[in-house]
Amino acid sequence: MAMAISNVPVLTGEAAETFVRKADEAMKNRGSIDFTEQRAEMKLILANARFE
């Protein structure tokens, strides 16, 4: 027996504009997280574990 396909919600108006604006900003800031501190901590842990 066939089942009806449900409609896909679509953003319109101000909600759509806000979504696009935030998506564009997220793409610009992509990869801007600095992991320097975590990397140094990881190296210290590996050095103490004598893991090479």
N, C-alpha and C. Protein backbone atom coordinates (compact mmCIF):
# COMPACT_ATOMS: atom_id res chain seq x y z
N MET A 1 0.85 -1.18 0.00
CA MET A 1 0.00 0.00 0.00
C MET A 1 0.89 1.24 0.00
N ALA A 2 0.59 2.20 -0.84
CA ALA A 2 1.39 3.41 -0.97
C ALA A 2 1.10 4.37 0.19
N MET A 3 2.17 5.05 0.63
CA MET A 3 2.01 6.04 1.68
C MET A 3 2.23 7.43 1.08
N ALA A 4 1.51 8.39 1.60
CA ALA A 4 1.64 9.76 1.12
C ALA A 4 2.99 10.33 1.55
N ILE A 5 3.60 11.09 0.66
CA ILE A 5 4.86 11.74 0.97
C ILE A 5 4.55 13.02 1.73
N SER A 6 5.22 13.20 2.87
CA SER A 6 4.95 14.40 3.67
C SER A 6 5.67 15.60 3.07
N ASN A 7 5.12 16.76 3.30
CA ASN A 7 5.71 17.99 2.80
C ASN A 7 6.97 18.34 3.57
N VAL A 8 7.93 18.92 2.87
CA VAL A 8 9.17 19.35 3.48
C VAL A 8 9.00 20.80 3.89
N PRO A 9 9.27 21.14 5.17
CA PRO A 9 9.11 22.52 5.60
C PRO A 9 10.13 23.43 4.88
N VAL A 10 9.68 24.63 4.53
CA VAL A 10 10.52 25.58 3.81
C VAL A 10 10.52 26.90 4.57
N LEU A 11 11.72 27.45 4.77
CA LEU A 11 11.81 28.75 5.43
C LEU A 11 11.46 29.85 4.44
N THR A 12 10.73 30.83 4.92
CA THR A 12 10.38 31.96 4.06
C THR A 12 10.51 33.25 4.86
N GLY A 13 10.57 34.35 4.15
CA GLY A 13 10.57 35.66 4.78
C GLY A 13 11.80 35.92 5.62
N GLU A 14 11.56 36.55 6.77
CA GLU A 14 12.65 36.96 7.66
C GLU A 14 13.40 35.75 8.22
N ALA A 15 12.71 34.65 8.49
CA ALA A 15 13.37 33.45 9.01
C ALA A 15 14.38 32.93 8.00
N ALA A 16 14.04 32.94 6.72
CA ALA A 16 14.96 32.49 5.68
C ALA A 16 16.16 33.42 5.57
N GLU A 17 15.92 34.71 5.62
CA GLU A 17 17.01 35.68 5.53
C GLU A 17 17.97 35.54 6.71
N THR A 18 17.42 35.36 7.90
CA THR A 18 18.25 35.18 9.10
C THR A 18 19.09 33.92 8.98
N PHE A 19 18.48 32.84 8.50
CA PHE A 19 19.19 31.58 8.34
C PHE A 19 20.36 31.73 7.38
N VAL A 20 20.12 32.35 6.24
CA VAL A 20 21.17 32.54 5.24
C VAL A 20 22.28 33.43 5.79
N ARG A 21 21.92 34.49 6.49
CA ARG A 21 22.92 35.40 7.07
C ARG A 21 23.81 34.65 8.06
N LYS A 22 23.20 33.85 8.94
CA LYS A 22 23.97 33.10 9.93
C LYS A 22 24.82 32.02 9.27
N ALA A 23 24.30 31.39 8.23
CA ALA A 23 25.07 30.36 7.52
C ALA A 23 26.28 30.98 6.83
N ASP A 24 26.10 32.14 6.21
CA ASP A 24 27.22 32.83 5.56
C ASP A 24 28.29 33.22 6.57
N GLU A 25 27.87 33.72 7.73
CA GLU A 25 28.82 34.12 8.77
C GLU A 25 29.58 32.90 9.30
N ALA A 26 28.88 31.78 9.47
CA ALA A 26 29.52 30.56 9.95
C ALA A 26 30.56 30.07 8.94
N MET A 27 30.30 30.20 7.66
CA MET A 27 31.27 29.80 6.64
C MET A 27 32.50 30.71 6.66
N LYS A 28 32.32 31.99 6.94
CA LYS A 28 33.44 32.92 7.01
C LYS A 28 34.33 32.60 8.20
N ASN A 29 33.74 32.21 9.34
CA ASN A 29 34.48 31.95 10.58
C ASN A 29 34.90 30.50 10.71
N ARG A 30 34.70 29.73 9.68
CA ARG A 30 35.00 28.31 9.69
C ARG A 30 36.49 28.08 9.97
N GLY A 31 36.79 27.16 10.85
CA GLY A 31 38.17 26.82 11.15
C GLY A 31 38.89 27.85 11.99
N SER A 32 38.16 28.67 12.70
CA SER A 32 38.79 29.72 13.48
C SER A 32 39.05 29.33 14.93
N ILE A 33 38.86 28.06 15.25
CA ILE A 33 39.08 27.60 16.62
C ILE A 33 40.57 27.31 16.80
N ASP A 34 41.15 27.81 17.88
CA ASP A 34 42.57 27.63 18.16
C ASP A 34 42.75 26.47 19.13
N PHE A 35 43.39 25.40 18.67
CA PHE A 35 43.61 24.22 19.50
C PHE A 35 45.04 24.15 20.04
N THR A 36 45.75 25.28 20.08
CA THR A 36 47.14 25.30 20.52
C THR A 36 47.29 24.75 21.94
N GLU A 37 46.43 25.18 22.83
CA GLU A 37 46.51 24.74 24.23
C GLU A 37 46.25 23.24 24.36
N GLN A 38 45.24 22.73 23.65
CA GLN A 38 44.92 21.31 23.72
C GLN A 38 46.03 20.48 23.10
N ARG A 39 46.64 21.00 22.04
CA ARG A 39 47.74 20.27 21.39
C ARG A 39 48.95 20.15 22.32
N ALA A 40 49.27 21.23 23.03
CA ALA A 40 50.39 21.20 23.98
C ALA A 40 50.11 20.20 25.09
N GLU A 41 48.89 20.18 25.57
CA GLU A 41 48.50 19.23 26.62
C GLU A 41 48.62 17.80 26.12
N MET A 42 48.20 17.55 24.89
CA MET A 42 48.29 16.22 24.30
C MET A 42 49.75 15.77 24.21
N LYS A 43 50.63 16.68 23.76
CA LYS A 43 52.05 16.33 23.65
C LYS A 43 52.64 16.00 25.01
N LEU A 44 52.25 16.73 26.05
CA LEU A 44 52.73 16.45 27.40
C LEU A 44 52.26 15.08 27.87
N ILE A 45 51.03 14.75 27.62
CA ILE A 45 50.49 13.44 28.01
C ILE A 45 51.25 12.33 27.29
N LEU A 46 51.47 12.50 25.98
CA LEU A 46 52.18 11.47 25.22
C LEU A 46 53.63 11.35 25.67
N ALA A 47 54.27 12.47 26.03
CA ALA A 47 55.66 12.43 26.50
C ALA A 47 55.73 11.68 27.82
N ASN A 48 54.78 11.94 28.71
CA ASN A 48 54.77 11.25 30.02
C ASN A 48 54.47 9.77 29.88
N ALA A 49 53.72 9.40 28.85
CA ALA A 49 53.37 8.01 28.62
C ALA A 49 54.46 7.27 27.84
N ARG A 50 55.47 8.00 27.42
CA ARG A 50 56.56 7.46 26.58
C ARG A 50 56.00 6.80 25.34
N PHE A 51 55.02 7.44 24.77
CA PHE A 51 54.37 6.95 23.56
C PHE A 51 54.98 7.66 22.36
N GLU A 52 55.50 6.90 21.42
CA GLU A 52 56.15 7.50 20.26
C GLU A 52 55.47 7.10 18.99
